[in-house]
Amino acid sequence: MSGFFFFKYIQHMRFLTPNNIFAVLLQKLIKESSPYQMQFKDASVLSTELENGNADLALIPSCDLVKHPDFFISSRVALSFDGSLSNAFFYFIPGQNKFNDLYLKGDITTNEIIFSKILFKERYSSDVQIHLETAETEFGKKNYLIAGDSNFQNGNFNRGLSFSDELSTLLFLPYVNFVIASKQQAIIEQFNEINTELEHNADTNSNLFSDMKFNENTMLYLKENMNSVYFEATETEMEGLKELLLLPYYHGITDEPVELRIV
């Protein structure tokens, strides 16, 4: 396929991502290299949209691969964390010794539902009951796990505990939150070919945060901690992904481990 026709082909590819600050940054970096038709959707529906043929590529929650082991995933690009910066944060009632209930809010996915239960068993020896919360947040009265940009819009993350940090500490590896997936291997191969320097682009692009509308302290925190967010995947991230997706099997949530189709 000639360069011109390849470019035109890519232009018509539908690429869905979640609507959070980290996916927005990744979209910006990808757009520098390729003209995909990119669209934001709730993170919880991305895998279904991809399965139903409403997208060619999607940045899906990593735990969705448990139900979609037929998806091919990129070995080059993912959204991973290994520090305090995170797309989700815990907010606990002060002074607790035992945890019984956890209320999930925001752009919740299978990652928050499944891995929060595992974390509480591993870290706190608690079998928490998970509730999807729609009522107004009452910090200090309930235990919450909140996913998405609402953590940053009001600076709430400052009193929260990083979900990503807890998981990466448990694994001793980066927490791979989202992966690039497709139903077609050739599409992932093409994506890999034209997205090879995302980390370099992130380091040199001074305009990445130009249209972010968070307060000054939040923006400073994000910029100072971006070194714990990874857009490019290496063998370390892929090893982290494999170990992460073994957790549901080890805890009896799934009957067999996921066999990943990494391209």
Protein backbone atom coordinates (compact mmCIF):
# COMPACT_ATOMS: atom_id res chain seq x y z
CA MET A 1 0.00 0.00 0.00
CA SER A 2 1.52 3.35 -1.04
CA GLY A 3 2.14 6.05 1.52
CA PHE A 4 -0.73 8.22 0.24
CA PHE A 5 -3.33 5.44 0.25
CA PHE A 6 -2.08 4.19 3.63
CA PHE A 7 -2.60 7.70 5.04
CA LYS A 8 -6.12 7.86 3.57
CA TYR A 9 -6.91 4.41 4.97
CA ILE A 10 -5.83 5.44 8.46
CA GLN A 11 -7.94 8.61 8.20
CA HIS A 12 -11.07 6.49 8.08
CA MET A 13 -10.20 4.34 11.09
CA ARG A 14 -12.42 4.94 14.10
CA PHE A 15 -10.44 5.13 17.34
CA LEU A 16 -12.28 5.37 20.67
CA THR A 17 -10.75 6.39 23.99
CA PRO A 18 -12.06 7.14 27.49
CA ASN A 19 -12.63 10.77 28.39
CA ASN A 20 -10.00 11.36 31.06
CA ILE A 21 -6.96 13.61 31.19
CA PHE A 22 -4.49 10.80 30.48
CA ALA A 23 -6.39 9.54 27.44
CA VAL A 24 -6.63 13.15 26.22
CA LEU A 25 -2.85 13.45 26.44
CA LEU A 26 -2.41 10.14 24.62
CA GLN A 27 -4.82 11.28 21.90
CA LYS A 28 -2.73 14.41 21.37
CA LEU A 29 0.45 12.38 21.02
CA ILE A 30 -1.15 9.91 18.63
CA LYS A 31 -2.59 12.69 16.48
CA GLU A 32 0.92 13.99 15.96
CA SER A 33 1.77 10.75 14.17
CA SER A 34 -1.50 9.70 12.55
CA PRO A 35 -4.89 11.12 11.48
CA TYR A 36 -7.26 8.61 13.09
CA GLN A 37 -10.90 9.59 13.57
CA MET A 38 -10.73 9.84 17.36
CA GLN A 39 -13.71 10.02 19.68
CA PHE A 40 -14.27 9.96 23.44
CA LYS A 41 -16.68 7.50 25.09
CA ASP A 42 -17.37 6.31 28.62
CA ALA A 43 -14.64 3.83 29.51
CA SER A 44 -17.19 1.19 30.48
CA VAL A 45 -18.57 0.88 26.93
CA LEU A 46 -15.36 0.90 24.89
CA SER A 47 -14.92 -2.87 24.63
CA THR A 48 -18.57 -3.36 23.70
CA GLU A 49 -18.27 -0.69 21.00
CA LEU A 50 -15.18 -2.42 19.63
CA GLU A 51 -16.81 -5.86 19.78
CA ASN A 52 -19.90 -4.58 17.96
CA GLY A 53 -17.88 -3.10 15.11
CA ASN A 54 -18.41 0.54 16.07
CA ALA A 55 -14.66 1.16 16.22
CA ASP A 56 -11.51 -0.16 14.58
CA LEU A 57 -9.31 0.62 17.58
CA ALA A 58 -10.03 1.43 21.20
CA LEU A 59 -8.13 2.27 24.37
CA ILE A 60 -9.90 -0.21 26.62
CA PRO A 61 -9.63 -1.00 30.35
CA SER A 62 -7.09 -3.78 30.72
CA CYS A 63 -9.40 -6.02 32.75
CA ASP A 64 -11.88 -6.08 29.85
CA LEU A 65 -9.50 -8.55 28.21
CA VAL A 66 -10.83 -11.17 30.63
CA LYS A 67 -14.13 -11.10 28.73
CA HIS A 68 -12.56 -10.29 25.36
CA PRO A 69 -9.49 -12.55 25.05
CA ASP A 70 -9.91 -12.51 21.26
CA PHE A 71 -8.85 -8.86 21.03
CA PHE A 72 -5.37 -8.13 19.74
CA ILE A 73 -3.43 -5.59 21.81
CA SER A 74 -0.47 -3.35 21.10
CA SER A 75 2.91 -4.19 22.59
CA ARG A 76 4.07 -0.64 21.86
CA VAL A 77 1.45 1.66 23.40
CA ALA A 78 -0.56 1.47 26.63
CA LEU A 79 -1.53 3.75 29.51
CA SER A 80 0.36 2.68 32.62
CA PHE A 81 1.18 4.09 36.07
CA ASP A 82 3.65 3.34 38.84
CA GLY A 83 3.28 6.23 41.29
CA SER A 84 0.88 8.55 43.05
CA LEU A 85 -0.61 9.86 39.81
CA SER A 86 -3.67 7.82 38.92
CA ASN A 87 -6.98 7.82 37.09
CA ALA A 88 -8.72 6.59 40.28
CA PHE A 89 -8.36 7.36 43.98
CA PHE A 90 -9.61 5.83 47.23
CA TYR A 91 -11.18 8.10 49.85
CA PHE A 92 -11.54 6.35 53.21
CA ILE A 93 -13.42 7.14 56.39
CA PRO A 94 -10.72 8.26 58.85
CA GLY A 95 -9.64 5.91 61.63
CA GLN A 96 -11.01 2.64 60.24
CA ASN A 97 -9.62 -0.76 61.17
CA LYS A 98 -12.04 -2.85 59.10
CA PHE A 99 -13.55 -2.20 55.69
CA ASN A 100 -17.01 -3.53 54.83
CA ASP A 101 -18.33 -1.39 51.98
CA LEU A 102 -16.79 0.47 49.06
CA TYR A 103 -18.75 2.93 46.93
CA LEU A 104 -17.62 3.37 43.32
CA LYS A 105 -18.24 6.62 41.45
CA GLY A 106 -17.18 8.28 38.20
CA ASP A 107 -16.12 6.58 34.98
CA ILE A 108 -16.07 3.12 36.55
CA THR A 109 -14.79 0.08 34.65
CA THR A 110 -14.11 -3.60 35.35
CA ASN A 111 -10.64 -2.57 36.58
CA GLU A 112 -12.01 -0.64 39.55
CA ILE A 113 -14.67 -3.26 40.32
CA ILE A 114 -12.45 -6.34 40.21
CA PHE A 115 -9.07 -5.03 41.32
CA SER A 116 -10.47 -3.04 44.25
CA LYS A 117 -11.89 -6.27 45.74
CA ILE A 118 -8.54 -7.97 45.22
CA LEU A 119 -6.63 -5.07 46.75
CA PHE A 120 -8.79 -5.11 49.88
CA LYS A 121 -8.21 -8.85 50.30
CA GLU A 122 -4.47 -8.58 49.71
CA ARG A 123 -3.73 -5.34 51.58
CA TYR A 124 -6.42 -5.15 54.26
CA SER A 125 -7.66 -8.76 54.63
CA SER A 126 -11.19 -7.46 53.99
CA ASP A 127 -13.91 -8.84 51.73
CA VAL A 128 -15.60 -5.55 50.85
CA GLN A 129 -19.03 -5.22 49.31
CA ILE A 130 -18.94 -3.14 46.13
CA HIS A 131 -21.67 -0.56 45.47
CA LEU A 132 -22.09 1.60 42.36
CA GLU A 133 -22.93 5.00 43.84
CA THR A 134 -25.03 7.67 42.15
CA ALA A 135 -25.84 9.83 45.19
CA GLU A 136 -23.86 12.93 46.15
CA THR A 137 -20.41 12.18 47.55
CA GLU A 138 -20.12 12.36 51.33
CA PHE A 139 -16.42 12.31 52.10
CA GLY A 140 -15.71 10.99 55.60
CA LYS A 141 -18.99 9.10 55.81
CA LYS A 142 -18.42 6.39 53.19
CA ASN A 143 -15.43 4.67 51.62
CA TYR A 144 -15.14 5.69 47.98
CA LEU A 145 -13.22 4.75 44.88
CA ILE A 146 -13.66 7.52 42.32
CA ALA A 147 -12.45 7.17 38.73
CA GLY A 148 -11.91 9.91 36.19
CA ASP A 149 -11.23 13.63 36.07
CA SER A 150 -13.56 14.55 38.93
CA ASN A 151 -10.61 13.70 41.22
CA PHE A 152 -8.69 16.64 39.73
CA GLN A 153 -11.46 19.13 39.02
CA ASN A 154 -11.83 20.06 42.69
CA GLY A 155 -8.41 18.97 43.92
CA ASN A 156 -9.90 16.03 45.83
CA PHE A 157 -6.98 13.77 44.90
CA ASN A 158 -4.92 15.53 47.61
CA ARG A 159 -6.85 13.64 50.29
CA GLY A 160 -7.11 10.40 48.32
CA LEU A 161 -5.00 7.26 48.00
CA SER A 162 -3.78 6.40 44.52
CA PHE A 163 -5.42 3.26 43.11
CA SER A 164 -2.53 2.89 40.66
CA ASP A 165 0.09 3.17 43.37
CA GLU A 166 -1.62 0.46 45.41
CA LEU A 167 -1.71 -1.92 42.43
CA SER A 168 1.82 -1.24 41.24
CA THR A 169 3.07 -1.79 44.81
CA LEU A 170 1.19 -5.10 44.96
CA LEU A 171 2.62 -6.23 41.61
CA PHE A 172 6.12 -4.71 41.94
CA LEU A 173 5.45 -3.70 38.32
CA PRO A 174 3.65 -0.84 36.56
CA TYR A 175 -0.14 -0.91 36.65
CA VAL A 176 -1.38 -1.10 33.04
CA ASN A 177 -4.72 0.69 33.25
CA PHE A 178 -5.66 0.83 29.55
CA VAL A 179 -4.46 -1.00 26.43
CA ILE A 180 -4.80 -0.37 22.70
CA ALA A 181 -7.02 -3.11 21.28
CA SER A 182 -8.56 -4.21 17.99
CA LYS A 183 -10.36 -7.22 16.59
CA GLN A 184 -7.87 -7.28 13.72
CA GLN A 185 -4.19 -8.04 14.08
CA ALA A 186 -3.29 -6.03 10.96
CA ILE A 187 -4.77 -2.87 12.46
CA ILE A 188 -2.61 -3.21 15.57
CA GLU A 189 0.45 -3.86 13.41
CA GLN A 190 -0.23 -0.66 11.45
CA PHE A 191 -0.81 1.28 14.65
CA ASN A 192 2.49 0.05 16.10
CA GLU A 193 4.34 0.99 12.95
CA ILE A 194 3.33 4.66 13.05
CA ASN A 195 3.44 5.23 16.83
CA THR A 196 6.99 4.55 17.93
CA GLU A 197 8.08 7.72 19.77
CA LEU A 198 5.23 8.70 22.07
CA GLU A 199 7.42 9.11 25.16
CA HIS A 200 9.79 11.37 23.22
CA ASN A 201 6.84 13.42 21.94
CA ALA A 202 5.48 13.73 25.48
CA ASP A 203 8.84 14.98 26.79
CA THR A 204 9.28 17.58 24.04
CA ASN A 205 5.69 18.81 23.56
CA SER A 206 5.24 21.93 25.69
CA ASN A 207 1.60 22.36 24.60
CA LEU A 208 0.25 19.09 25.99
CA PHE A 209 -1.39 20.82 28.95
CA SER A 210 -2.31 24.04 27.17
CA ASP A 211 -6.08 23.49 27.16
CA MET A 212 -6.42 21.73 30.53
CA LYS A 213 -8.80 23.58 32.84
CA PHE A 214 -7.66 22.55 36.31
CA ASN A 215 -6.53 24.92 39.06
CA GLU A 216 -2.90 25.99 39.33
CA ASN A 217 -1.98 23.57 42.13
CA THR A 218 -3.50 20.61 40.28
CA MET A 219 -1.70 21.52 37.06
CA LEU A 220 1.59 21.77 38.95
CA TYR A 221 1.02 18.36 40.55
CA LEU A 222 0.17 16.76 37.20
CA LYS A 223 3.22 18.17 35.45
CA GLU A 224 5.59 17.27 38.30
CA ASN A 225 4.34 13.67 38.42
CA MET A 226 4.01 12.87 34.73
CA ASN A 227 7.22 10.84 34.97
CA SER A 228 5.15 8.09 36.63
CA VAL A 229 2.77 7.84 33.64
CA TYR A 230 3.84 5.77 30.64
CA PHE A 231 2.36 5.98 27.15
CA GLU A 232 4.85 3.68 25.49
CA ALA A 233 4.82 0.03 26.51
CA THR A 234 7.99 -1.96 27.08
CA GLU A 235 8.62 -5.52 28.23
CA THR A 236 8.17 -4.25 31.80
CA GLU A 237 4.64 -2.96 31.12
CA MET A 238 3.72 -6.14 29.25
CA GLU A 239 4.97 -8.21 32.18
CA GLY A 240 2.92 -6.00 34.49
CA LEU A 241 -0.16 -6.56 32.33
CA LYS A 242 0.29 -10.33 32.43
CA GLU A 243 0.71 -10.37 36.20
CA LEU A 244 -2.26 -8.02 36.65
CA LEU A 245 -4.57 -10.26 34.64
CA LEU A 246 -3.49 -13.31 36.60
CA LEU A 247 -4.93 -11.77 39.78
CA PRO A 248 -8.61 -12.57 38.97
CA TYR A 249 -7.59 -16.17 38.29
CA TYR A 250 -5.58 -16.50 41.51
CA HIS A 251 -8.52 -15.11 43.48
CA GLY A 252 -11.06 -17.48 41.90
CA ILE A 253 -12.90 -14.75 40.00
CA THR A 254 -12.15 -16.40 36.65
CA ASP A 255 -11.84 -20.10 35.85
CA GLU A 256 -8.68 -19.84 33.78
CA PRO A 257 -5.95 -17.29 33.08
CA VAL A 258 -6.22 -14.98 30.09
CA GLU A 259 -4.05 -15.78 27.08
CA LEU A 260 -3.11 -12.39 25.71
CA ARG A 261 -2.80 -11.75 21.97
CA ILE A 262 0.01 -9.23 22.08
CA VAL A 263 1.15 -7.81 18.75
